Amino acid sequence: MTMRIVFLDRSTFHPDIVFDAASVTGAVWRDYPTTVAHELSGRLADTEVIVTNKVKLNGTVLTAFPGLKLIAVAATGVDHVDLAAAKQQGIAVCNVSGYAVHTVAEHVFALLLALRRQLGRYAAAAIDGHWSRAGTFCLQTWPIEELAGSTLGIVGAGANGASVAALATAFGVHVLLAERRGAASVRPGRAPFEHVLAQADAVSLHVPLTAETRHLIGASELARMKHNAVLINTARGGVVDEAALLAALRDGQIAGASLDVLASEPPPMDHPLLSAGLPNLIITPHIAWASRQAQQKLANEVIANIVAFQRGEHRNRIA
């Protein structure tokens, strides 16, 4: 039996990553590098399975195509899919989790080390002549901090958060796992959300973007942090109030921030954080997840989810 499958944003994966469509019995697979809203109608006609990384699928889109049976999300986050509408239309939704536990944790510590060791400033100083003009062999213009002995607050203790916690121990870092903001009680092994913000030397975010987590870190939360603390966000841009963060960095409310995600992606050229010119702000273009190994594992899992659905199994089903 034929299964018509459309991958709406194949270019979000490296070209060398293999999606083994041959593993899906009767698959007719079409790839599109990217897809914008007005192109959906032409690409989803007669489609049964959508593969999407970040293309938004709202209720209007889903109700327009009664033949849809499955949305295979090529990611963990599903904030771009209207789950309620999918359920109402009888469209199954599955995602992939756990594929990025190593790559995200490594990126978190790359960002954290870059901040604490002032790598951007010192690398530039070696090139621009600052070091050559120094009177000693060692340039010490900006203070360098060790991670050992510091405290890392982790907000979101899922697979990625747990991997970051495990890696932290190798650096001799004390870990505080935050309870959910506003929780009536604190689970064993966790600490109150506000306590973690106040005690941590660095805070790393690993929560999905939901109505509850949007702007989870805003002006009041940043004000609770130590003045010498830094913020790391490899989750979703909307989890942080970007205007509040920019103000906190400019006012010295916190010592620095490293972001792999922004609320709008790709961001406009004049995005305030990109044009801020702050030496204590590092931004990378949503690549924490994107090691070659993690991408291929994700691709394999997407195919496995489709095959399982074809067999009537509920593998990684979230709606």
C-alpha atoms as a PDB file:
ATOM      1  CA  MET A   1       0.000   0.000   0.000  1.00  0.00           C
ATOM      2  CA  THR A   2       1.325   3.420  -0.960  1.00  0.00           C
ATOM      3  CA  MET A   3       2.170   5.905   1.791  1.00  0.00           C
ATOM      4  CA  ARG A   4       2.657   9.455   0.546  1.00  0.00           C
ATOM      5  CA  ILE A   5       5.197  11.300   2.688  1.00  0.00           C
ATOM      6  CA  VAL A   6       6.322  14.931   2.420  1.00  0.00           C
ATOM      7  CA  PHE A   7       9.358  16.348   4.223  1.00  0.00           C
ATOM      8  CA  LEU A   8       8.666  20.076   4.407  1.00  0.00           C
ATOM      9  CA  ASP A   9      12.074  21.388   5.537  1.00  0.00           C
ATOM     10  CA  ARG A  10      14.808  18.923   4.585  1.00  0.00           C
ATOM     11  CA  SER A  11      17.452  21.691   4.538  1.00  0.00           C
ATOM     12  CA  THR A  12      17.290  21.885   8.341  1.00  0.00           C
ATOM     13  CA  PHE A  13      19.481  18.763   8.236  1.00  0.00           C
ATOM     14  CA  HIS A  14      22.944  18.446   6.738  1.00  0.00           C
ATOM     15  CA  PRO A  15      22.857  16.989   3.195  1.00  0.00           C
ATOM     16  CA  ASP A  16      24.894  13.963   4.305  1.00  0.00           C
ATOM     17  CA  ILE A  17      22.247  12.856   6.799  1.00  0.00           C
ATOM     18  CA  VAL A  18      20.266   9.891   5.454  1.00  0.00           C
ATOM     19  CA  PHE A  19      16.502   9.458   5.835  1.00  0.00           C
ATOM     20  CA  ASP A  20      16.040   5.851   4.755  1.00  0.00           C
ATOM     21  CA  ALA A  21      12.678   6.107   3.014  1.00  0.00           C
ATOM     22  CA  ALA A  22      13.181   2.612   1.586  1.00  0.00           C
ATOM     23  CA  SER A  23      12.505   1.264   5.074  1.00  0.00           C
ATOM     24  CA  VAL A  24       8.906   2.484   4.808  1.00  0.00           C
ATOM     25  CA  THR A  25       6.804   0.012   2.830  1.00  0.00           C
ATOM     26  CA  GLY A  26       5.294   1.633  -0.235  1.00  0.00           C
ATOM     27  CA  ALA A  27       6.666   5.070   0.572  1.00  0.00           C
ATOM     28  CA  VAL A  28       6.404   7.840  -1.976  1.00  0.00           C
ATOM     29  CA  TRP A  29       8.743  10.396  -0.432  1.00  0.00           C
ATOM     30  CA  ARG A  30       9.118  14.009  -1.489  1.00  0.00           C
ATOM     31  CA  ASP A  31      11.663  16.444  -0.043  1.00  0.00           C
ATOM     32  CA  TYR A  32      11.419  20.231  -0.027  1.00  0.00           C
ATOM     33  CA  PRO A  33      14.378  22.290   1.256  1.00  0.00           C
ATOM     34  CA  THR A  34      12.062  24.777   2.979  1.00  0.00           C
ATOM     35  CA  THR A  35       8.363  25.498   3.024  1.00  0.00           C
ATOM     36  CA  VAL A  36       6.567  28.761   3.753  1.00  0.00           C
ATOM     37  CA  ALA A  37       2.893  29.092   4.607  1.00  0.00           C
ATOM     38  CA  HIS A  38       1.558  29.847   1.118  1.00  0.00           C
ATOM     39  CA  GLU A  39       3.293  26.741  -0.288  1.00  0.00           C
ATOM     40  CA  LEU A  40       1.577  24.278   2.044  1.00  0.00           C
ATOM     41  CA  SER A  41      -1.600  23.882   0.009  1.00  0.00           C
ATOM     42  CA  GLY A  42       0.281  22.727  -3.066  1.00  0.00           C
ATOM     43  CA  ARG A  43       2.582  20.405  -1.168  1.00  0.00           C
ATOM     44  CA  LEU A  44       0.134  18.689   1.164  1.00  0.00           C
ATOM     45  CA  ALA A  45      -2.517  17.687  -1.356  1.00  0.00           C
ATOM     46  CA  ASP A  46      -2.975  13.884  -1.178  1.00  0.00           C
ATOM     47  CA  THR A  47      -0.305  13.688   1.553  1.00  0.00           C
ATOM     48  CA  GLU A  48      -0.733  11.205   4.394  1.00  0.00           C
ATOM     49  CA  VAL A  49       2.450  11.811   6.392  1.00  0.00           C
ATOM     50  CA  ILE A  50       4.171  15.127   7.085  1.00  0.00           C
ATOM     51  CA  VAL A  51       7.768  15.230   8.251  1.00  0.00           C
ATOM     52  CA  THR A  52       8.613  18.624   9.715  1.00  0.00           C
ATOM     53  CA  ASN A  53      11.332  20.093  11.824  1.00  0.00           C
ATOM     54  CA  LYS A  54      10.092  23.646  12.287  1.00  0.00           C
ATOM     55  CA  VAL A  55       7.378  24.381   9.696  1.00  0.00           C
ATOM     56  CA  LYS A  56       4.317  25.686  11.540  1.00  0.00           C
ATOM     57  CA  LEU A  57       1.194  23.546  11.236  1.00  0.00           C
ATOM     58  CA  ASN A  58      -1.807  25.334  12.717  1.00  0.00           C
ATOM     59  CA  GLY A  59      -5.420  24.289  12.946  1.00  0.00           C
ATOM     60  CA  THR A  60      -6.351  25.950   9.658  1.00  0.00           C
ATOM     61  CA  VAL A  61      -3.728  23.922   7.801  1.00  0.00           C
ATOM     62  CA  LEU A  62      -4.605  20.633   9.457  1.00  0.00           C
ATOM     63  CA  THR A  63      -8.339  20.898   8.839  1.00  0.00           C
ATOM     64  CA  ALA A  64      -7.749  21.681   5.164  1.00  0.00           C
ATOM     65  CA  PHE A  65      -6.230  18.260   4.461  1.00  0.00           C
ATOM     66  CA  PRO A  66      -8.511  15.449   5.667  1.00  0.00           C
ATOM     67  CA  GLY A  67      -6.172  12.815   4.241  1.00  0.00           C
ATOM     68  CA  LEU A  68      -3.436  13.550   6.770  1.00  0.00           C
ATOM     69  CA  LYS A  69      -2.752  10.655   9.108  1.00  0.00           C
ATOM     70  CA  LEU A  70       0.580  11.387  10.781  1.00  0.00           C
ATOM     71  CA  ILE A  71       2.847  14.319  11.607  1.00  0.00           C
ATOM     72  CA  ALA A  72       6.355  12.993  12.233  1.00  0.00           C
ATOM     73  CA  VAL A  73       8.172  15.820  13.974  1.00  0.00           C
ATOM     74  CA  ALA A  74      11.907  15.709  13.240  1.00  0.00           C
ATOM     75  CA  ALA A  75      12.718  17.259  16.606  1.00  0.00           C
ATOM     76  CA  THR A  76      11.744  17.055  20.266  1.00  0.00           C
ATOM     77  CA  GLY A  77       9.883  20.346  20.558  1.00  0.00           C
ATOM     78  CA  VAL A  78       6.383  20.453  19.092  1.00  0.00           C
ATOM     79  CA  ASP A  79       5.415  24.066  19.771  1.00  0.00           C
ATOM     80  CA  HIS A  80       5.034  24.588  16.002  1.00  0.00           C
ATOM     81  CA  VAL A  81       2.229  22.000  15.751  1.00  0.00           C
ATOM     82  CA  ASP A  82      -1.343  22.612  16.918  1.00  0.00           C
ATOM     83  CA  LEU A  83      -1.734  19.407  18.932  1.00  0.00           C
ATOM     84  CA  ALA A  84      -5.350  20.076  19.858  1.00  0.00           C
ATOM     85  CA  ALA A  85      -6.306  20.506  16.207  1.00  0.00           C
ATOM     86  CA  ALA A  86      -4.388  17.372  15.251  1.00  0.00           C
ATOM     87  CA  LYS A  87      -6.226  15.356  17.888  1.00  0.00           C
ATOM     88  CA  GLN A  88      -9.567  16.736  16.762  1.00  0.00           C
ATOM     89  CA  GLN A  89      -8.783  15.746  13.167  1.00  0.00           C
ATOM     90  CA  GLY A  90      -7.561  12.291  14.186  1.00  0.00           C
ATOM     91  CA  ILE A  91      -4.007  13.029  13.060  1.00  0.00           C
ATOM     92  CA  ALA A  92      -1.315  11.244  15.055  1.00  0.00           C
ATOM     93  CA  VAL A  93       1.746  13.239  16.120  1.00  0.00           C
ATOM     94  CA  CYS A  94       5.067  11.754  17.149  1.00  0.00           C
ATOM     95  CA  ASN A  95       8.400  13.322  17.984  1.00  0.00           C
ATOM     96  CA  VAL A  96      11.961  12.254  18.799  1.00  0.00           C
ATOM     97  CA  SER A  97      13.567  12.692  22.189  1.00  0.00           C
ATOM     98  CA  GLY A  98      16.905  11.718  23.678  1.00  0.00           C
ATOM     99  CA  TYR A  99      18.865  11.990  20.437  1.00  0.00           C
ATOM    100  CA  ALA A 100      20.797  15.124  21.456  1.00  0.00           C
ATOM    101  CA  VAL A 101      21.847  14.365  25.018  1.00  0.00           C
ATOM    102  CA  HIS A 102      25.565  14.454  24.217  1.00  0.00           C
ATOM    103  CA  THR A 103      25.662  17.245  21.650  1.00  0.00           C
ATOM    104  CA  VAL A 104      23.526  19.656  23.706  1.00  0.00           C
ATOM    105  CA  ALA A 105      25.492  19.044  26.898  1.00  0.00           C
ATOM    106  CA  GLU A 106      28.771  19.569  25.071  1.00  0.00           C
ATOM    107  CA  HIS A 107      27.479  22.810  23.555  1.00  0.00           C
ATOM    108  CA  VAL A 108      26.308  24.066  26.942  1.00  0.00           C
ATOM    109  CA  PHE A 109      29.790  23.645  28.334  1.00  0.00           C
ATOM    110  CA  ALA A 110      31.393  25.120  25.235  1.00  0.00           C
ATOM    111  CA  LEU A 111      29.290  28.245  25.792  1.00  0.00           C
ATOM    112  CA  LEU A 112      29.884  28.267  29.528  1.00  0.00           C
ATOM    113  CA  LEU A 113      33.642  27.872  29.154  1.00  0.00           C
ATOM    114  CA  ALA A 114      33.758  30.566  26.494  1.00  0.00           C
ATOM    115  CA  LEU A 115      32.120  32.988  28.920  1.00  0.00           C
ATOM    116  CA  ARG A 116      34.046  32.035  32.037  1.00  0.00           C
ATOM    117  CA  ARG A 117      37.427  31.986  30.297  1.00  0.00           C
ATOM    118  CA  GLN A 118      36.740  35.075  28.161  1.00  0.00           C
ATOM    119  CA  LEU A 119      37.649  33.113  25.027  1.00  0.00           C
ATOM    120  CA  GLY A 120      36.160  35.590  22.554  1.00  0.00           C
ATOM    121  CA  ARG A 121      38.081  38.518  23.972  1.00  0.00           C
ATOM    122  CA  TYR A 122      41.375  36.670  24.335  1.00  0.00           C
ATOM    123  CA  ALA A 123      41.186  35.090  20.870  1.00  0.00           C
ATOM    124  CA  ALA A 124      40.610  38.550  19.368  1.00  0.00           C
ATOM    125  CA  ALA A 125      43.442  40.004  21.452  1.00  0.00           C
ATOM    126  CA  ALA A 126      45.880  37.476  20.049  1.00  0.00           C
ATOM    127  CA  ILE A 127      45.024  38.539  16.500  1.00  0.00           C
ATOM    128  CA  ASP A 128      44.597  42.309  16.832  1.00  0.00           C
ATOM    129  CA  GLY A 129      48.039  42.960  18.323  1.00  0.00           C
ATOM    130  CA  HIS A 130      46.975  43.384  21.949  1.00  0.00           C
ATOM    131  CA  TRP A 131      49.066  40.385  23.006  1.00  0.00           C
ATOM    132  CA  SER A 132      52.031  41.420  20.867  1.00  0.00           C
ATOM    133  CA  ARG A 133      52.104  44.787  22.579  1.00  0.00           C
ATOM    134  CA  ALA A 134      51.906  43.276  26.071  1.00  0.00           C
ATOM    135  CA  GLY A 135      54.905  43.625  28.340  1.00  0.00           C
ATOM    136  CA  THR A 136      54.675  40.055  29.631  1.00  0.00           C
ATOM    137  CA  PHE A 137      54.264  36.598  28.104  1.00  0.00           C
ATOM    138  CA  CYS A 138      50.743  36.279  29.511  1.00  0.00           C
ATOM    139  CA  LEU A 139      47.885  38.624  28.767  1.00  0.00           C
ATOM    140  CA  GLN A 140      45.560  39.078  31.746  1.00  0.00           C
ATOM    141  CA  THR A 141      43.301  41.913  30.690  1.00  0.00           C
ATOM    142  CA  TRP A 142      40.051  40.169  31.639  1.00  0.00           C
ATOM    143  CA  PRO A 143      39.457  37.896  34.668  1.00  0.00           C
ATOM    144  CA  ILE A 144      39.271  34.144  34.109  1.00  0.00           C
ATOM    145  CA  GLU A 145      37.048  31.959  36.298  1.00  0.00           C
ATOM    146  CA  GLU A 146      37.245  28.202  36.868  1.00  0.00           C
ATOM    147  CA  LEU A 147      34.158  26.036  36.664  1.00  0.00           C
ATOM    148  CA  ALA A 148      35.385  23.703  39.415  1.00  0.00           C
ATOM    149  CA  GLY A 149      33.697  24.528  42.680  1.00  0.00           C
ATOM    150  CA  SER A 150      30.965  26.640  41.080  1.00  0.00           C
ATOM    151  CA  THR A 151      27.223  25.962  41.157  1.00  0.00           C
ATOM    152  CA  LEU A 152      25.185  25.221  38.049  1.00  0.00           C
ATOM    153  CA  GLY A 153      21.418  25.626  38.181  1.00  0.00           C
ATOM    154  CA  ILE A 154      19.540  23.456  35.687  1.00  0.00           C
ATOM    155  CA  VAL A 155      15.990  24.392  34.765  1.00  0.00           C
ATOM    156  CA  GLY A 156      14.393  21.390  33.093  1.00  0.00           C
ATOM    157  CA  ALA A 157      15.691  17.988  34.169  1.00  0.00           C
ATOM    158  CA  GLY A 158      14.684  15.961  31.130  1.00  0.00           C
ATOM    159  CA  ALA A 159      17.154  14.019  28.989  1.00  0.00           C
ATOM    160  CA  ASN A 160      19.220  17.059  28.012  1.00  0.00           C
ATOM    161  CA  GLY A 161      19.179  18.592  31.472  1.00  0.00           C
ATOM    162  CA  ALA A 162      20.220  15.290  33.028  1.00  0.00           C
ATOM    163  CA  SER A 163      23.079  14.959  30.543  1.00  0.00           C
ATOM    164  CA  VAL A 164      24.286  18.466  31.395  1.00  0.00           C
ATOM    165  CA  ALA A 165      24.143  17.565  35.093  1.00  0.00           C
ATOM    166  CA  ALA A 166      26.219  14.432  34.505  1.00  0.00           C
ATOM    167  CA  LEU A 167      28.841  16.326  32.531  1.00  0.00           C
ATOM    168  CA  ALA A 168      28.965  19.029  35.199  1.00  0.00           C
ATOM    169  CA  THR A 169      30.206  16.555  37.769  1.00  0.00           C
ATOM    170  CA  ALA A 170      33.274  15.859  35.631  1.00  0.00           C
ATOM    171  CA  PHE A 171      34.148  19.546  35.929  1.00  0.00           C
ATOM    172  CA  GLY A 172      33.708  19.492  39.703  1.00  0.00           C
ATOM    173  CA  VAL A 173      30.576  21.620  39.461  1.00  0.00           C
ATOM    174  CA  HIS A 174      27.812  21.456  42.081  1.00  0.00           C
ATOM    175  CA  VAL A 175      24.404  20.962  40.449  1.00  0.00           C
ATOM    176  CA  LEU A 176      21.050  22.350  41.578  1.00  0.00           C
ATOM    177  CA  LEU A 177      17.987  21.007  39.761  1.00  0.00           C
ATOM    178  CA  ALA A 178      15.162  23.531  39.797  1.00  0.00           C
ATOM    179  CA  GLU A 179      11.617  22.648  40.708  1.00  0.00           C
ATOM    180  CA  ARG A 180       8.926  24.093  38.462  1.00  0.00           C
ATOM    181  CA  ARG A 181       8.172  27.740  39.071  1.00  0.00           C
ATOM    182  CA  GLY A 182       5.212  28.118  41.406  1.00  0.00           C
ATOM    183  CA  ALA A 183       5.144  24.437  42.392  1.00  0.00           C
ATOM    184  CA  ALA A 184       3.240  23.740  45.618  1.00  0.00           C
ATOM    185  CA  SER A 185       5.880  21.262  46.765  1.00  0.00           C
ATOM    186  CA  VAL A 186       9.492  20.440  45.971  1.00  0.00           C
ATOM    187  CA  ARG A 187      10.324  16.962  44.739  1.00  0.00           C
ATOM    188  CA  PRO A 188      13.273  15.035  46.216  1.00  0.00           C
ATOM    189  CA  GLY A 189      16.533  15.995  44.539  1.00  0.00           C
ATOM    190  CA  ARG A 190      15.233  19.403  43.501  1.00  0.00           C
ATOM    191  CA  ALA A 191      15.377  22.916  44.888  1.00  0.00           C
ATOM    192  CA  PRO A 192      12.834  25.742  44.671  1.00  0.00           C
ATOM    193  CA  PHE A 193      12.997  27.633  41.398  1.00  0.00           C
ATOM    194  CA  GLU A 194      13.767  30.981  43.055  1.00  0.00           C
ATOM    195  CA  HIS A 195      16.451  29.404  45.266  1.00  0.00           C
ATOM    196  CA  VAL A 196      18.247  27.988  42.233  1.00  0.00           C
ATOM    197  CA  LEU A 197      18.271  31.372  40.516  1.00  0.00           C
ATOM    198  CA  ALA A 198      19.682  33.039  43.624  1.00  0.00           C
ATOM    199  CA  GLN A 199      22.380  30.459  44.351  1.00  0.00           C
ATOM    200  CA  ALA A 200      23.663  29.438  40.928  1.00  0.00           C
ATOM    201  CA  ASP A 201      26.802  30.831  39.321  1.00  0.00           C
ATOM    202  CA  ALA A 202      25.355  29.730  35.986  1.00  0.00           C
ATOM    203  CA  VAL A 203      21.802  28.831  34.981  1.00  0.00           C
ATOM    204  CA  SER A 204      21.170  26.485  32.038  1.00  0.00           C
ATOM    205  CA  LEU A 205      17.708  26.193  30.480  1.00  0.00           C
ATOM    206  CA  HIS A 206      16.297  22.901  29.137  1.00  0.00           C
ATOM    207  CA  VAL A 207      12.521  23.284  29.032  1.00  0.00           C
ATOM    208  CA  PRO A 208      10.097  23.123  26.097  1.00  0.00           C
ATOM    209  CA  LEU A 209       8.332  26.268  24.996  1.00  0.00           C
ATOM    210  CA  THR A 210       4.785  26.217  26.365  1.00  0.00           C
ATOM    211  CA  ALA A 211       2.340  28.776  27.696  1.00  0.00           C
ATOM    212  CA  GLU A 212       3.834  28.156  31.145  1.00  0.00           C
ATOM    213  CA  THR A 213       7.468  28.528  30.111  1.00  0.00           C
ATOM    214  CA  ARG A 214       7.176  31.501  27.764  1.00  0.00           C
ATOM    215  CA  HIS A 215       9.319  34.263  29.295  1.00  0.00           C
ATOM    216  CA  LEU A 216      10.115  31.949  32.191  1.00  0.00           C
ATOM    217  CA  ILE A 217      13.234  34.073  32.604  1.00  0.00           C
ATOM    218  CA  GLY A 218      12.226  37.720  32.705  1.00  0.00           C
ATOM    219  CA  ALA A 219      13.226  40.849  34.544  1.00  0.00           C
ATOM    220  CA  SER A 220      12.250  39.576  37.995  1.00  0.00           C
ATOM    221  CA  GLU A 221      14.060  36.265  37.515  1.00  0.00           C
ATOM    222  CA  LEU A 222      17.200  37.967  36.216  1.00  0.00           C
ATOM    223  CA  ALA A 223      17.098  40.284  39.227  1.00  0.00           C
ATOM    224  CA  ARG A 224      17.224  37.238  41.520  1.00  0.00           C
ATOM    225  CA  MET A 225      20.464  35.997  39.948  1.00  0.00           C
ATOM    226  CA  LYS A 226      23.912  36.849  41.249  1.00  0.00           C
ATOM    227  CA  HIS A 227      25.632  39.791  39.604  1.00  0.00           C
ATOM    228  CA  ASN A 228      28.501  37.458  38.639  1.00  0.00           C
ATOM    229  CA  ALA A 229      26.214  34.721  37.287  1.00  0.00           C
ATOM    230  CA  VAL A 230      25.647  33.809  33.647  1.00  0.00           C
ATOM    231  CA  LEU A 231      22.654  32.459  31.731  1.00  0.00           C
ATOM    232  CA  ILE A 232      22.831  29.669  29.126  1.00  0.00           C
ATOM    233  CA  ASN A 233      19.851  28.977  26.859  1.00  0.00           C
ATOM    234  CA  THR A 234      19.900  26.019  24.466  1.00  0.00           C
ATOM    235  CA  ALA A 235      16.153  25.354  24.807  1.00  0.00           C
ATOM    236  CA  ARG A 236      13.843  27.761  22.958  1.00  0.00           C
ATOM    237  CA  GLY A 237      14.269  31.489  22.472  1.00  0.00           C
ATOM    238  CA  GLY A 238      10.823  32.323  23.810  1.00  0.00           C
ATOM    239  CA  VAL A 239      11.727  30.943  27.226  1.00  0.00           C
ATOM    240  CA  VAL A 240      13.722  34.139  27.833  1.00  0.00           C
ATOM    241  CA  ASP A 241      12.383  37.682  27.699  1.00  0.00           C
ATOM    242  CA  GLU A 242      15.007  39.032  25.310  1.00  0.00           C
ATOM    243  CA  ALA A 243      14.376  42.694  26.089  1.00  0.00           C
ATOM    244  CA  ALA A 244      14.781  42.013  29.806  1.00  0.00           C
ATOM    245  CA  LEU A 245      17.966  40.042  29.171  1.00  0.00           C
ATOM    246  CA  LEU A 246      19.491  42.829  27.094  1.00  0.00           C
ATOM    247  CA  ALA A 247      18.708  45.325  29.839  1.00  0.00           C
ATOM    248  CA  ALA A 248      20.194  43.032  32.503  1.00  0.00           C
ATOM    249  CA  LEU A 249      23.412  42.632  30.522  1.00  0.00           C
ATOM    250  CA  ARG A 250      23.769  46.338  29.859  1.00  0.00           C
ATOM    251  CA  ASP A 251      23.050  47.226  33.502  1.00  0.00           C
ATOM    252  CA  GLY A 252      25.429  44.591  34.890  1.00  0.00           C
ATOM    253  CA  GLN A 253      22.562  42.760  36.571  1.00  0.00           C
ATOM    254  CA  ILE A 254      24.195  39.505  35.458  1.00  0.00           C
ATOM    255  CA  ALA A 255      27.727  38.867  34.212  1.00  0.00           C
ATOM    256  CA  GLY A 256      26.930  37.342  30.852  1.00  0.00           C
ATOM    257  CA  ALA A 257      24.748  35.140  28.662  1.00  0.00           C
ATOM    258  CA  SER A 258      25.203  32.521  25.966  1.00  0.00           C
ATOM    259  CA  LEU A 259      22.251  31.827  23.690  1.00  0.00           C
ATOM    260  CA  ASP A 260      21.874  29.159  21.022  1.00  0.00           C
ATOM    261  CA  VAL A 261      18.272  30.127  20.351  1.00  0.00           C
ATOM    262  CA  LEU A 262      16.278  33.301  19.752  1.00  0.00           C
ATOM    263  CA  ALA A 263      12.547  33.969  19.794  1.00  0.00           C
ATOM    264  CA  SER A 264      12.553  34.579  16.025  1.00  0.00           C
ATOM    265  CA  GLU A 265      14.620  32.218  13.870  1.00  0.00           C
ATOM    266  CA  PRO A 266      16.265  33.141  11.646  1.00  0.00           C
ATOM    267  CA  PRO A 267      16.425  36.507  13.382  1.00  0.00           C
ATOM    268  CA  PRO A 268      16.150  39.839  11.563  1.00  0.00           C
ATOM    269  CA  MET A 269      19.449  41.535  10.776  1.00  0.00           C
ATOM    270  CA  ASP A 270      18.636  44.315  13.224  1.00  0.00           C
ATOM    271  CA  HIS A 271      17.742  42.029  16.135  1.00  0.00           C
ATOM    272  CA  PRO A 272      18.640  43.967  19.321  1.00  0.00           C
ATOM    273  CA  LEU A 273      20.726  41.148  20.804  1.00  0.00           C
ATOM    274  CA  LEU A 274      22.696  40.624  17.591  1.00  0.00           C
ATOM    275  CA  SER A 275      23.487  44.313  17.259  1.00  0.00           C
ATOM    276  CA  ALA A 276      24.179  44.943  20.946  1.00  0.00           C
ATOM    277  CA  GLY A 277      27.953  44.540  20.607  1.00  0.00           C
ATOM    278  CA  LEU A 278      28.301  43.164  24.132  1.00  0.00           C
ATOM    279  CA  PRO A 279      31.489  41.192  24.863  1.00  0.00           C
ATOM    280  CA  ASN A 280      29.687  39.187  27.560  1.00  0.00           C
ATOM    281  CA  LEU A 281      27.009  37.929  25.153  1.00  0.00           C
ATOM    282  CA  ILE A 282      27.611  34.903  22.900  1.00  0.00           C
ATOM    283  CA  ILE A 283      25.016  33.843  20.333  1.00  0.00           C
ATOM    284  CA  THR A 284      25.213  30.715  18.182  1.00  0.00           C
ATOM    285  CA  PRO A 285      22.705  29.925  15.392  1.00  0.00           C
ATOM    286  CA  HIS A 286      20.654  27.089  16.942  1.00  0.00           C
ATOM    287  CA  ILE A 287      23.337  24.430  16.525  1.00  0.00           C
ATOM    288  CA  ALA A 288      23.524  22.789  19.962  1.00  0.00           C
ATOM    289  CA  TRP A 289      21.499  19.847  18.626  1.00  0.00           C
ATOM    290  CA  ALA A 290      23.315  19.564  15.324  1.00  0.00           C
ATOM    291  CA  SER A 291      26.278  17.237  15.697  1.00  0.00           C
ATOM    292  CA  ARG A 292      26.545  14.776  12.803  1.00  0.00           C
ATOM    293  CA  GLN A 293      25.902  11.859  15.144  1.00  0.00           C
ATOM    294  CA  ALA A 294      22.817  13.430  16.702  1.00  0.00           C
ATOM    295  CA  GLN A 295      21.319  14.395  13.347  1.00  0.00           C
ATOM    296  CA  GLN A 296      21.660  10.867  11.998  1.00  0.00           C
ATOM    297  CA  LYS A 297      20.183   9.368  15.152  1.00  0.00           C
ATOM    298  CA  LEU A 298      17.251  11.747  14.836  1.00  0.00           C
ATOM    299  CA  ALA A 299      16.753  10.833  11.172  1.00  0.00           C
ATOM    300  CA  ASN A 300      16.757   7.141  12.041  1.00  0.00           C
ATOM    301  CA  GLU A 301      14.178   7.722  14.760  1.00  0.00           C
ATOM    302  CA  VAL A 302      11.899   9.661  12.411  1.00  0.00           C
ATOM    303  CA  ILE A 303      11.865   6.724  10.014  1.00  0.00           C
ATOM    304  CA  ALA A 304      11.311   4.286  12.882  1.00  0.00           C
ATOM    305  CA  ASN A 305       8.327   6.344  14.038  1.00  0.00           C
ATOM    306  CA  ILE A 306       6.766   6.240  10.577  1.00  0.00           C
ATOM    307  CA  VAL A 307       7.334   2.487  10.254  1.00  0.00           C
ATOM    308  CA  ALA A 308       5.816   1.917  13.695  1.00  0.00           C
ATOM    309  CA  PHE A 309       2.766   3.987  12.764  1.00  0.00           C
ATOM    310  CA  GLN A 310       2.392   1.944   9.594  1.00  0.00           C
ATOM    311  CA  ARG A 311       2.306  -1.180  11.792  1.00  0.00           C
ATOM    312  CA  GLY A 312      -0.294   0.291  14.102  1.00  0.00           C
ATOM    313  CA  GLU A 313       2.160   0.883  16.952  1.00  0.00           C
ATOM    314  CA  HIS A 314       2.165   4.018  19.128  1.00  0.00           C
ATOM    315  CA  ARG A 315       5.884   4.686  19.166  1.00  0.00           C
ATOM    316  CA  ASN A 316       6.834   8.158  20.513  1.00  0.00           C
ATOM    317  CA  ARG A 317       3.208   9.185  20.093  1.00  0.00           C
ATOM    318  CA  ILE A 318       2.389  12.483  21.810  1.00  0.00           C
ATOM    319  CA  ALA A 319      -1.007  13.171  20.223  1.00  0.00           C
END
